[in-house]
PDB file of all heavy atoms in Angstrom:
ATOM      1  N   GLY A   1       5.142 -17.750  19.989  1.00  0.00           N
ATOM      2  CA  GLY A   1       4.634 -19.097  20.178  1.00  0.00           C
ATOM      3  C   GLY A   1       3.324 -19.408  19.506  1.00  0.00           C
ATOM      4  O   GLY A   1       2.970 -20.564  19.331  1.00  0.00           O
ATOM      5  N   THR A   2       2.534 -18.423  19.111  1.00  0.00           N
ATOM      6  CA  THR A   2       1.239 -18.695  18.492  1.00  0.00           C
ATOM      7  C   THR A   2       1.131 -17.950  17.166  1.00  0.00           C
ATOM      8  O   THR A   2       1.202 -16.723  17.130  1.00  0.00           O
ATOM      9  CB  THR A   2       0.080 -18.246  19.407  1.00  0.00           C
ATOM     10  OG1 THR A   2       0.181 -18.935  20.652  1.00  0.00           O
ATOM     11  CG2 THR A   2      -1.259 -18.562  18.761  1.00  0.00           C
ATOM     12  N   ALA A   3       0.953 -18.720  16.086  1.00  0.00           N
ATOM     13  CA  ALA A   3       0.774 -18.100  14.777  1.00  0.00           C
ATOM     14  C   ALA A   3      -0.687 -17.717  14.595  1.00  0.00           C
ATOM     15  O   ALA A   3      -1.590 -18.512  14.825  1.00  0.00           O
ATOM     16  CB  ALA A   3       1.196 -19.064  13.677  1.00  0.00           C
ATOM     17  N   THR A   4      -0.935 -16.505  14.229  1.00  0.00           N
ATOM     18  CA  THR A   4      -2.305 -16.036  14.066  1.00  0.00           C
ATOM     19  C   THR A   4      -2.792 -16.205  12.642  1.00  0.00           C
ATOM     20  O   THR A   4      -3.966 -16.398  12.412  1.00  0.00           O
ATOM     21  CB  THR A   4      -2.408 -14.550  14.447  1.00  0.00           C
ATOM     22  OG1 THR A   4      -1.622 -13.780  13.538  1.00  0.00           O
ATOM     23  CG2 THR A   4      -1.921 -14.332  15.855  1.00  0.00           C
ATOM     24  N   GLY A   5      -1.926 -16.114  11.673  1.00  0.00           N
ATOM     25  CA  GLY A   5      -2.326 -16.223  10.276  1.00  0.00           C
ATOM     26  C   GLY A   5      -2.983 -14.953   9.773  1.00  0.00           C
ATOM     27  O   GLY A   5      -3.319 -14.039  10.520  1.00  0.00           O
ATOM     28  N   LEU A   6      -3.180 -14.887   8.462  1.00  0.00           N
ATOM     29  CA  LEU A   6      -3.788 -13.734   7.825  1.00  0.00           C
ATOM     30  C   LEU A   6      -5.274 -13.974   7.618  1.00  0.00           C
ATOM     31  O   LEU A   6      -5.693 -15.028   7.144  1.00  0.00           O
ATOM     32  CB  LEU A   6      -3.127 -13.446   6.473  1.00  0.00           C
ATOM     33  CG  LEU A   6      -1.673 -12.968   6.500  1.00  0.00           C
ATOM     34  CD1 LEU A   6      -1.096 -12.948   5.097  1.00  0.00           C
ATOM     35  CD2 LEU A   6      -1.583 -11.582   7.125  1.00  0.00           C
ATOM     36  N   ALA A   7      -6.079 -12.980   7.947  1.00  0.00           N
ATOM     37  CA  ALA A   7      -7.510 -13.049   7.703  1.00  0.00           C
ATOM     38  C   ALA A   7      -7.819 -12.528   6.308  1.00  0.00           C
ATOM     39  O   ALA A   7      -6.974 -11.923   5.648  1.00  0.00           O
ATOM     40  CB  ALA A   7      -8.258 -12.226   8.750  1.00  0.00           C
ATOM     41  N   GLY A   8      -9.055 -12.761   5.872  1.00  0.00           N
ATOM     42  CA  GLY A   8      -9.484 -12.193   4.602  1.00  0.00           C
ATOM     43  C   GLY A   8      -9.521 -10.677   4.684  1.00  0.00           C
ATOM     44  O   GLY A   8      -9.800 -10.093   5.740  1.00  0.00           O
ATOM     45  N   SER A   9      -9.230 -10.031   3.593  1.00  0.00           N
ATOM     46  CA  SER A   9      -9.165  -8.570   3.588  1.00  0.00           C
ATOM     47  C   SER A   9     -10.571  -7.972   3.641  1.00  0.00           C
ATOM     48  O   SER A   9     -11.531  -8.557   3.144  1.00  0.00           O
ATOM     49  CB  SER A   9      -8.445  -8.081   2.331  1.00  0.00           C
ATOM     50  OG  SER A   9      -9.107  -8.549   1.168  1.00  0.00           O
ATOM     51  N   SER A  10     -10.690  -6.819   4.254  1.00  0.00           N
ATOM     52  CA  SER A  10     -11.971  -6.122   4.329  1.00  0.00           C
ATOM     53  C   SER A  10     -11.919  -4.754   3.665  1.00  0.00           C
ATOM     54  O   SER A  10     -12.933  -4.052   3.628  1.00  0.00           O
ATOM     55  CB  SER A  10     -12.400  -5.966   5.797  1.00  0.00           C
ATOM     56  OG  SER A  10     -11.471  -5.167   6.511  1.00  0.00           O
ATOM     57  N   MET A  11     -10.757  -4.362   3.145  1.00  0.00           N
ATOM     58  CA  MET A  11     -10.627  -3.106   2.417  1.00  0.00           C
ATOM     59  C   MET A  11      -9.494  -3.225   1.401  1.00  0.00           C
ATOM     60  O   MET A  11      -8.536  -3.969   1.615  1.00  0.00           O
ATOM     61  CB  MET A  11     -10.353  -1.939   3.363  1.00  0.00           C
ATOM     62  CG  MET A  11      -9.062  -2.024   4.150  1.00  0.00           C
ATOM     63  SD  MET A  11      -8.645  -0.493   5.018  1.00  0.00           S
ATOM     64  CE  MET A  11      -8.112   0.565   3.654  1.00  0.00           C
ATOM     65  N   PRO A  12      -9.593  -2.530   0.275  1.00  0.00           N
ATOM     66  CA  PRO A  12      -8.525  -2.582  -0.725  1.00  0.00           C
ATOM     67  C   PRO A  12      -7.358  -1.699  -0.323  1.00  0.00           C
ATOM     68  O   PRO A  12      -7.466  -0.863   0.583  1.00  0.00           O
ATOM     69  CB  PRO A  12      -9.207  -2.052  -1.985  1.00  0.00           C
ATOM     70  CG  PRO A  12     -10.224  -1.085  -1.459  1.00  0.00           C
ATOM     71  CD  PRO A  12     -10.719  -1.692  -0.167  1.00  0.00           C
ATOM     72  N   ASP A  13      -6.249  -1.893  -1.003  1.00  0.00           N
ATOM     73  CA  ASP A  13      -5.139  -0.946  -0.879  1.00  0.00           C
ATOM     74  C   ASP A  13      -5.489   0.317  -1.646  1.00  0.00           C
ATOM     75  O   ASP A  13      -6.085   0.252  -2.738  1.00  0.00           O
ATOM     76  CB  ASP A  13      -3.854  -1.546  -1.439  1.00  0.00           C
ATOM     77  CG  ASP A  13      -3.142  -2.426  -0.431  1.00  0.00           C
ATOM     78  OD1 ASP A  13      -3.816  -2.936   0.474  1.00  0.00           O
ATOM     79  OD2 ASP A  13      -1.920  -2.612  -0.552  1.00  0.00           O
ATOM     80  N   ILE A  14      -5.126   1.444  -1.090  1.00  0.00           N
ATOM     81  CA  ILE A  14      -5.363   2.737  -1.734  1.00  0.00           C
ATOM     82  C   ILE A  14      -4.008   3.367  -2.028  1.00  0.00           C
ATOM     83  O   ILE A  14      -3.185   3.548  -1.124  1.00  0.00           O
ATOM     84  CB  ILE A  14      -6.208   3.658  -0.842  1.00  0.00           C
ATOM     85  CG1 ILE A  14      -7.554   2.986  -0.535  1.00  0.00           C
ATOM     86  CG2 ILE A  14      -6.428   5.002  -1.521  1.00  0.00           C
ATOM     87  CD1 ILE A  14      -8.401   3.742   0.463  1.00  0.00           C
ATOM     88  N   VAL A  15      -3.759   3.680  -3.295  1.00  0.00           N
ATOM     89  CA  VAL A  15      -2.479   4.215  -3.735  1.00  0.00           C
ATOM     90  C   VAL A  15      -2.703   5.572  -4.403  1.00  0.00           C
ATOM     91  O   VAL A  15      -3.609   5.718  -5.241  1.00  0.00           O
ATOM     92  CB  VAL A  15      -1.781   3.260  -4.728  1.00  0.00           C
ATOM     93  CG1 VAL A  15      -0.497   3.880  -5.268  1.00  0.00           C
ATOM     94  CG2 VAL A  15      -1.494   1.925  -4.056  1.00  0.00           C
ATOM     95  N   GLY A  16      -1.893   6.536  -4.045  1.00  0.00           N
ATOM     96  CA  GLY A  16      -1.938   7.854  -4.673  1.00  0.00           C
ATOM     97  C   GLY A  16      -0.554   8.268  -5.152  1.00  0.00           C
ATOM     98  O   GLY A  16       0.443   8.029  -4.460  1.00  0.00           O
ATOM     99  N   VAL A  17      -0.490   8.864  -6.349  1.00  0.00           N
ATOM    100  CA  VAL A  17       0.790   9.266  -6.937  1.00  0.00           C
ATOM    101  C   VAL A  17       0.639  10.643  -7.564  1.00  0.00           C
ATOM    102  O   VAL A  17      -0.364  10.936  -8.224  1.00  0.00           O
ATOM    103  CB  VAL A  17       1.257   8.259  -8.015  1.00  0.00           C
ATOM    104  CG1 VAL A  17       2.614   8.678  -8.579  1.00  0.00           C
ATOM    105  CG2 VAL A  17       1.325   6.855  -7.451  1.00  0.00           C
ATOM    106  N   LEU A  18       1.656  11.469  -7.386  1.00  0.00           N
ATOM    107  CA  LEU A  18       1.725  12.775  -8.034  1.00  0.00           C
ATOM    108  C   LEU A  18       3.064  12.859  -8.744  1.00  0.00           C
ATOM    109  O   LEU A  18       4.111  12.605  -8.133  1.00  0.00           O
ATOM    110  CB  LEU A  18       1.601  13.903  -7.000  1.00  0.00           C
ATOM    111  CG  LEU A  18       1.652  15.337  -7.534  1.00  0.00           C
ATOM    112  CD1 LEU A  18       0.460  15.616  -8.439  1.00  0.00           C
ATOM    113  CD2 LEU A  18       1.701  16.347  -6.385  1.00  0.00           C
ATOM    114  N   GLY A  19       3.059  13.195 -10.049  1.00  0.00           N
ATOM    115  CA  GLY A  19       4.300  13.177 -10.805  1.00  0.00           C
ATOM    116  C   GLY A  19       4.430  14.313 -11.797  1.00  0.00           C
ATOM    117  O   GLY A  19       3.440  14.963 -12.164  1.00  0.00           O
ATOM    118  N   TYR A  20       5.658  14.529 -12.235  1.00  0.00           N
ATOM    119  CA  TYR A  20       5.976  15.525 -13.270  1.00  0.00           C
ATOM    120  C   TYR A  20       6.887  14.857 -14.278  1.00  0.00           C
ATOM    121  O   TYR A  20       7.931  14.300 -13.911  1.00  0.00           O
ATOM    122  CB  TYR A  20       6.661  16.748 -12.651  1.00  0.00           C
ATOM    123  CG  TYR A  20       6.879  17.881 -13.645  1.00  0.00           C
ATOM    124  CD1 TYR A  20       5.880  18.818 -13.876  1.00  0.00           C
ATOM    125  CD2 TYR A  20       8.083  18.001 -14.338  1.00  0.00           C
ATOM    126  CE1 TYR A  20       6.069  19.854 -14.782  1.00  0.00           C
ATOM    127  CE2 TYR A  20       8.277  19.026 -15.242  1.00  0.00           C
ATOM    128  CZ  TYR A  20       7.276  19.950 -15.465  1.00  0.00           C
ATOM    129  OH  TYR A  20       7.466  20.969 -16.365  1.00  0.00           O
ATOM    130  N   ASP A  21       6.490  14.889 -15.560  1.00  0.00           N
ATOM    131  CA  ASP A  21       7.199  14.150 -16.602  1.00  0.00           C
ATOM    132  C   ASP A  21       7.708  15.102 -17.684  1.00  0.00           C
ATOM    133  O   ASP A  21       6.933  15.703 -18.429  1.00  0.00           O
ATOM    134  CB  ASP A  21       6.265  13.103 -17.228  1.00  0.00           C
ATOM    135  CG  ASP A  21       7.011  12.131 -18.132  1.00  0.00           C
ATOM    136  OD1 ASP A  21       8.129  12.460 -18.568  1.00  0.00           O
ATOM    137  OD2 ASP A  21       6.484  11.038 -18.397  1.00  0.00           O
ATOM    138  N   ASP A  22       9.032  15.238 -17.747  1.00  0.00           N
ATOM    139  CA  ASP A  22       9.693  15.989 -18.822  1.00  0.00           C
ATOM    140  C   ASP A  22      10.862  15.150 -19.329  1.00  0.00           C
ATOM    141  O   ASP A  22      11.979  15.636 -19.484  1.00  0.00           O
ATOM    142  CB  ASP A  22      10.172  17.346 -18.316  1.00  0.00           C
ATOM    143  CG  ASP A  22      10.609  18.260 -19.451  1.00  0.00           C
ATOM    144  OD1 ASP A  22      10.195  18.022 -20.605  1.00  0.00           O
ATOM    145  OD2 ASP A  22      11.392  19.192 -19.197  1.00  0.00           O
ATOM    146  N   ASN A  23      10.583  13.852 -19.547  1.00  0.00           N
ATOM    147  CA  ASN A  23      11.651  12.913 -19.853  1.00  0.00           C
ATOM    148  C   ASN A  23      12.324  13.182 -21.191  1.00  0.00           C
ATOM    149  O   ASN A  23      13.438  12.716 -21.443  1.00  0.00           O
ATOM    150  CB  ASN A  23      11.115  11.475 -19.824  1.00  0.00           C
ATOM    151  CG  ASN A  23      12.213  10.454 -19.641  1.00  0.00           C
ATOM    152  OD1 ASN A  23      13.129  10.659 -18.834  1.00  0.00           O
ATOM    153  ND2 ASN A  23      12.158   9.368 -20.372  1.00  0.00           N
ATOM    154  N   LYS A  24      11.672  13.925 -22.084  1.00  0.00           N
ATOM    155  CA  LYS A  24      12.312  14.286 -23.346  1.00  0.00           C
ATOM    156  C   LYS A  24      13.445  15.282 -23.129  1.00  0.00           C
ATOM    157  O   LYS A  24      14.299  15.450 -24.003  1.00  0.00           O
ATOM    158  CB  LYS A  24      11.285  14.868 -24.313  1.00  0.00           C
ATOM    159  CG  LYS A  24      10.260  13.860 -24.796  1.00  0.00           C
ATOM    160  CD  LYS A  24       9.307  14.502 -25.796  1.00  0.00           C
ATOM    161  CE  LYS A  24       8.298  13.481 -26.314  1.00  0.00           C
ATOM    162  NZ  LYS A  24       7.356  14.089 -27.280  1.00  0.00           N
ATOM    163  N   ASN A  25      13.450  15.916 -21.959  1.00  0.00           N
ATOM    164  CA  ASN A  25      14.491  16.892 -21.644  1.00  0.00           C
ATOM    165  C   ASN A  25      15.300  16.436 -20.426  1.00  0.00           C
ATOM    166  O   ASN A  25      16.183  15.608 -20.539  1.00  0.00           O
ATOM    167  CB  ASN A  25      13.857  18.271 -21.420  1.00  0.00           C
ATOM    168  CG  ASN A  25      13.186  18.792 -22.676  1.00  0.00           C
ATOM    169  OD1 ASN A  25      13.829  18.923 -23.717  1.00  0.00           O
ATOM    170  ND2 ASN A  25      11.898  19.087 -22.599  1.00  0.00           N
ATOM    171  N   TRP A  26      14.973  16.943 -19.254  1.00  0.00           N
ATOM    172  CA  TRP A  26      15.823  16.668 -18.089  1.00  0.00           C
ATOM    173  C   TRP A  26      15.488  15.352 -17.393  1.00  0.00           C
ATOM    174  O   TRP A  26      16.350  14.728 -16.784  1.00  0.00           O
ATOM    175  CB  TRP A  26      15.741  17.823 -17.088  1.00  0.00           C
ATOM    176  CG  TRP A  26      14.371  18.024 -16.500  1.00  0.00           C
ATOM    177  CD1 TRP A  26      13.396  18.855 -16.956  1.00  0.00           C
ATOM    178  CD2 TRP A  26      13.826  17.368 -15.343  1.00  0.00           C
ATOM    179  NE1 TRP A  26      12.275  18.768 -16.165  1.00  0.00           N
ATOM    180  CE2 TRP A  26      12.514  17.863 -15.176  1.00  0.00           C
ATOM    181  CE3 TRP A  26      14.315  16.430 -14.446  1.00  0.00           C
ATOM    182  CZ2 TRP A  26      11.683  17.443 -14.135  1.00  0.00           C
ATOM    183  CZ3 TRP A  26      13.497  15.998 -13.410  1.00  0.00           C
ATOM    184  CH2 TRP A  26      12.207  16.504 -13.266  1.00  0.00           C
ATOM    185  N   GLY A  27      14.200  14.924 -17.408  1.00  0.00           N
ATOM    186  CA  GLY A  27      13.840  13.691 -16.708  1.00  0.00           C
ATOM    187  C   GLY A  27      12.432  13.742 -16.157  1.00  0.00           C
ATOM    188  O   GLY A  27      11.565  14.450 -16.677  1.00  0.00           O
ATOM    189  N   ARG A  28      12.179  13.038 -15.071  1.00  0.00           N
ATOM    190  CA  ARG A  28      10.860  12.997 -14.455  1.00  0.00           C
ATOM    191  C   ARG A  28      11.000  12.644 -12.978  1.00  0.00           C
ATOM    192  O   ARG A  28      12.028  12.128 -12.543  1.00  0.00           O
ATOM    193  CB  ARG A  28       9.955  11.992 -15.158  1.00  0.00           C
ATOM    194  CG  ARG A  28      10.526  10.602 -15.221  1.00  0.00           C
ATOM    195  CD  ARG A  28       9.722   9.708 -16.149  1.00  0.00           C
ATOM    196  NE  ARG A  28      10.512   8.547 -16.550  1.00  0.00           N
ATOM    197  CZ  ARG A  28      10.128   7.664 -17.450  1.00  0.00           C
ATOM    198  NH1 ARG A  28       8.965   7.785 -18.033  1.00  0.00           N
ATOM    199  NH2 ARG A  28      10.904   6.655 -17.762  1.00  0.00           N
ATOM    200  N   VAL A  29       9.916  12.887 -12.215  1.00  0.00           N
ATOM    201  CA  VAL A  29       9.930  12.617 -10.780  1.00  0.00           C
ATOM    202  C   VAL A  29       8.500  12.317 -10.337  1.00  0.00           C
ATOM    203  O   VAL A  29       7.531  12.810 -10.942  1.00  0.00           O
ATOM    204  CB  VAL A  29      10.510  13.826 -10.004  1.00  0.00           C
ATOM    205  CG1 VAL A  29       9.621  15.048 -10.148  1.00  0.00           C
ATOM    206  CG2 VAL A  29      10.746  13.479  -8.547  1.00  0.00           C
ATOM    207  N   GLN A  30       8.365  11.487  -9.293  1.00  0.00           N
ATOM    208  CA  GLN A  30       7.043  11.235  -8.732  1.00  0.00           C
ATOM    209  C   GLN A  30       7.166  10.965  -7.238  1.00  0.00           C
ATOM    210  O   GLN A  30       8.174  10.449  -6.761  1.00  0.00           O
ATOM    211  CB  GLN A  30       6.353  10.061  -9.426  1.00  0.00           C
ATOM    212  CG  GLN A  30       6.900   8.690  -9.074  1.00  0.00           C
ATOM    213  CD  GLN A  30       6.080   7.558  -9.670  1.00  0.00           C
ATOM    214  OE1 GLN A  30       5.726   7.585 -10.847  1.00  0.00           O
ATOM    215  NE2 GLN A  30       5.773   6.550  -8.850  1.00  0.00           N
ATOM    216  N   VAL A  31       6.122  11.353  -6.500  1.00  0.00           N
ATOM    217  CA  VAL A  31       5.986  10.998  -5.087  1.00  0.00           C
ATOM    218  C   VAL A  31       4.765  10.091  -4.977  1.00  0.00           C
ATOM    219  O   VAL A  31       3.782  10.254  -5.710  1.00  0.00           O
ATOM    220  CB  VAL A  31       5.829  12.242  -4.192  1.00  0.00           C
ATOM    221  CG1 VAL A  31       7.105  13.042  -4.184  1.00  0.00           C
ATOM    222  CG2 VAL A  31       4.657  13.106  -4.654  1.00  0.00           C
ATOM    223  N   MET A  32       4.824   9.099  -4.077  1.00  0.00           N
ATOM    224  CA  MET A  32       3.739   8.132  -4.002  1.00  0.00           C
ATOM    225  C   MET A  32       3.490   7.717  -2.560  1.00  0.00           C
ATOM    226  O   MET A  32       4.385   7.815  -1.711  1.00  0.00           O
ATOM    227  CB  MET A  32       4.028   6.897  -4.865  1.00  0.00           C
ATOM    228  CG  MET A  32       5.373   6.237  -4.660  1.00  0.00           C
ATOM    229  SD  MET A  32       6.692   6.978  -5.651  1.00  0.00           S
ATOM    230  CE  MET A  32       7.957   5.699  -5.521  1.00  0.00           C
ATOM    231  N   GLY A  33       2.285   7.240  -2.316  1.00  0.00           N
ATOM    232  CA  GLY A  33       1.910   6.747  -1.001  1.00  0.00           C
ATOM    233  C   GLY A  33       0.881   5.644  -1.130  1.00  0.00           C
ATOM    234  O   GLY A  33       0.142   5.570  -2.120  1.00  0.00           O
ATOM    235  N   ALA A  34       0.837   4.762  -0.144  1.00  0.00           N
ATOM    236  CA  ALA A  34      -0.094   3.634  -0.167  1.00  0.00           C
ATOM    237  C   ALA A  34      -0.559   3.320   1.246  1.00  0.00           C
ATOM    238  O   ALA A  34       0.193   3.486   2.217  1.00  0.00           O
ATOM    239  CB  ALA A  34       0.561   2.408  -0.789  1.00  0.00           C
ATOM    240  N   ILE A  35      -1.801   2.849   1.370  1.00  0.00           N
ATOM    241  CA  ILE A  35      -2.374   2.404   2.633  1.00  0.00           C
ATOM    242  C   ILE A  35      -2.717   0.928   2.498  1.00  0.00           C
ATOM    243  O   ILE A  35      -3.343   0.506   1.513  1.00  0.00           O
ATOM    244  CB  ILE A  35      -3.635   3.214   2.989  1.00  0.00           C
ATOM    245  CG1 ILE A  35      -3.277   4.686   3.205  1.00  0.00           C
ATOM    246  CG2 ILE A  35      -4.312   2.644   4.231  1.00  0.00           C
ATOM    247  CD1 ILE A  35      -4.493   5.575   3.420  1.00  0.00           C
ATOM    248  N   HIS A  36      -2.295   0.125   3.499  1.00  0.00           N
ATOM    249  CA  HIS A  36      -2.499  -1.323   3.452  1.00  0.00           C
ATOM    250  C   HIS A  36      -2.991  -1.825   4.800  1.00  0.00           C
ATOM    251  O   HIS A  36      -2.438  -1.482   5.846  1.00  0.00           O
ATOM    252  CB  HIS A  36      -1.187  -2.022   3.079  1.00  0.00           C
ATOM    253  CG  HIS A  36      -1.263  -3.522   3.122  1.00  0.00           C
ATOM    254  ND1 HIS A  36      -1.975  -4.261   2.219  1.00  0.00           N
ATOM    255  CD2 HIS A  36      -0.723  -4.415   3.995  1.00  0.00           C
ATOM    256  CE1 HIS A  36      -1.869  -5.547   2.501  1.00  0.00           C
ATOM    257  NE2 HIS A  36      -1.110  -5.661   3.583  1.00  0.00           N
ATOM    258  N   GLN A  37      -4.042  -2.644   4.779  1.00  0.00           N
ATOM    259  CA  GLN A  37      -4.628  -3.170   6.009  1.00  0.00           C
ATOM    260  C   GLN A  37      -3.927  -4.453   6.448  1.00  0.00           C
ATOM    261  O   GLN A  37      -3.649  -5.336   5.635  1.00  0.00           O
ATOM    262  CB  GLN A  37      -6.111  -3.469   5.799  1.00  0.00           C
ATOM    263  CG  GLN A  37      -6.815  -3.996   7.033  1.00  0.00           C
ATOM    264  CD  GLN A  37      -8.202  -4.529   6.720  1.00  0.00           C
ATOM    265  OE1 GLN A  37      -8.374  -5.353   5.834  1.00  0.00           O
ATOM    266  NE2 GLN A  37      -9.200  -4.032   7.442  1.00  0.00           N
ATOM    267  N   ASN A  38      -3.631  -4.568   7.748  1.00  0.00           N
ATOM    268  CA  ASN A  38      -3.118  -5.799   8.355  1.00  0.00           C
ATOM    269  C   ASN A  38      -4.217  -6.355   9.261  1.00  0.00           C
ATOM    270  O   ASN A  38      -4.581  -5.743  10.265  1.00  0.00           O
ATOM    271  CB  ASN A  38      -1.861  -5.516   9.174  1.00  0.00           C
ATOM    272  CG  ASN A  38      -0.701  -5.093   8.284  1.00  0.00           C
ATOM    273  OD1 ASN A  38      -0.056  -5.913   7.669  1.00  0.00           O
ATOM    274  ND2 ASN A  38      -0.462  -3.784   8.218  1.00  0.00           N
ATOM    275  N   ARG A  39      -4.722  -7.525   8.897  1.00  0.00           N
ATOM    276  CA  ARG A  39      -5.869  -8.098   9.598  1.00  0.00           C
ATOM    277  C   ARG A  39      -5.554  -9.537   9.970  1.00  0.00           C
ATOM    278  O   ARG A  39      -5.303 -10.386   9.111  1.00  0.00           O
ATOM    279  CB  ARG A  39      -7.098  -8.036   8.692  1.00  0.00           C
ATOM    280  CG  ARG A  39      -8.414  -8.361   9.366  1.00  0.00           C
ATOM    281  CD  ARG A  39      -9.566  -7.857   8.498  1.00  0.00           C
ATOM    282  NE  ARG A  39     -10.862  -8.187   9.084  1.00  0.00           N
ATOM    283  CZ  ARG A  39     -11.685  -9.118   8.608  1.00  0.00           C
ATOM    284  NH1 ARG A  39     -11.344  -9.804   7.516  1.00  0.00           N
ATOM    285  NH2 ARG A  39     -12.834  -9.363   9.176  1.00  0.00           N
ATOM    286  N   ALA A  40      -5.557  -9.833  11.255  1.00  0.00           N
ATOM    287  CA  ALA A  40      -5.210 -11.159  11.743  1.00  0.00           C
ATOM    288  C   ALA A  40      -6.414 -12.086  11.709  1.00  0.00           C
ATOM    289  O   ALA A  40      -7.562 -11.653  11.855  1.00  0.00           O
ATOM    290  CB  ALA A  40      -4.674 -11.072  13.168  1.00  0.00           C
ATOM    291  N   LEU A  41      -6.139 -13.368  11.542  1.00  0.00           N
ATOM    292  CA  LEU A  41      -7.198 -14.366  11.551  1.00  0.00           C
ATOM    293  C   LEU A  41      -7.821 -14.498  12.944  1.00  0.00           C
ATOM    294  O   LEU A  41      -9.012 -14.716  13.088  1.00  0.00           O
ATOM    295  CB  LEU A  41      -6.633 -15.710  11.075  1.00  0.00           C
ATOM    296  CG  LEU A  41      -7.625 -16.849  10.877  1.00  0.00           C
ATOM    297  CD1 LEU A  41      -8.641 -16.495   9.806  1.00  0.00           C
ATOM    298  CD2 LEU A  41      -6.895 -18.135  10.504  1.00  0.00           C
ATOM    299  N   ASN A  42      -6.984 -14.349  13.962  1.00  0.00           N
ATOM    300  CA  ASN A  42      -7.469 -14.398  15.340  1.00  0.00           C
ATOM    301  C   ASN A  42      -8.223 -13.102  15.654  1.00  0.00           C
ATOM    302  O   ASN A  42      -7.650 -12.018  15.626  1.00  0.00           O
ATOM    303  CB  ASN A  42      -6.280 -14.553  16.289  1.00  0.00           C
ATOM    304  CG  ASN A  42      -6.707 -14.785  17.723  1.00  0.00           C
ATOM    305  OD1 ASN A  42      -7.815 -14.427  18.129  1.00  0.00           O
ATOM    306  ND2 ASN A  42      -5.819 -15.375  18.513  1.00  0.00           N
ATOM    307  N   PRO A  43      -9.538 -13.175  15.973  1.00  0.00           N
ATOM    308  CA  PRO A  43     -10.304 -11.942  16.210  1.00  0.00           C
ATOM    309  C   PRO A  43      -9.863 -11.178  17.454  1.00  0.00           C
ATOM    310  O   PRO A  43     -10.279 -10.028  17.651  1.00  0.00           O
ATOM    311  CB  PRO A  43     -11.749 -12.451  16.352  1.00  0.00           C
ATOM    312  CG  PRO A  43     -11.626 -13.876  16.770  1.00  0.00           C
ATOM    313  CD  PRO A  43     -10.377 -14.388  16.114  1.00  0.00           C
ATOM    314  N   SER A  44      -9.020 -11.801  18.288  1.00  0.00           N
ATOM    315  CA  SER A  44      -8.528 -11.093  19.473  1.00  0.00           C
ATOM    316  C   SER A  44      -7.545  -9.984  19.097  1.00  0.00           C
ATOM    317  O   SER A  44      -7.314  -9.064  19.883  1.00  0.00           O
ATOM    318  CB  SER A  44      -7.853 -12.081  20.432  1.00  0.00           C
ATOM    319  OG  SER A  44      -8.765 -13.066  20.878  1.00  0.00           O
ATOM    320  N   PHE A  45      -6.962 -10.111  17.907  1.00  0.00           N
ATOM    321  CA  PHE A  45      -6.006  -9.105  17.463  1.00  0.00           C
ATOM    322  C   PHE A  45      -6.749  -8.017  16.683  1.00  0.00           C
ATOM    323  O   PHE A  45      -7.506  -8.303  15.757  1.00  0.00           O
ATOM    324  CB  PHE A  45      -4.950  -9.722  16.545  1.00  0.00           C
ATOM    325  CG  PHE A  45      -3.998 -10.648  17.236  1.00  0.00           C
ATOM    326  CD1 PHE A  45      -4.329 -11.974  17.452  1.00  0.00           C
ATOM    327  CD2 PHE A  45      -2.765 -10.187  17.672  1.00  0.00           C
ATOM    328  CE1 PHE A  45      -3.450 -12.832  18.091  1.00  0.00           C
ATOM    329  CE2 PHE A  45      -1.883 -11.039  18.316  1.00  0.00           C
ATOM    330  CZ  PHE A  45      -2.229 -12.361  18.523  1.00  0.00           C
TER     331      PHE A  45
END
């Protein structure tokens, strides 16, 4: 019943990736992760 809306961000997204590239032969692979902040406009949240 109550929309809170999105507040301005206070931290950036942080992304990390680790990969191995041998695409000239068999191929390549990577694992990745990211952190993202969810911040409501309503300070009660």
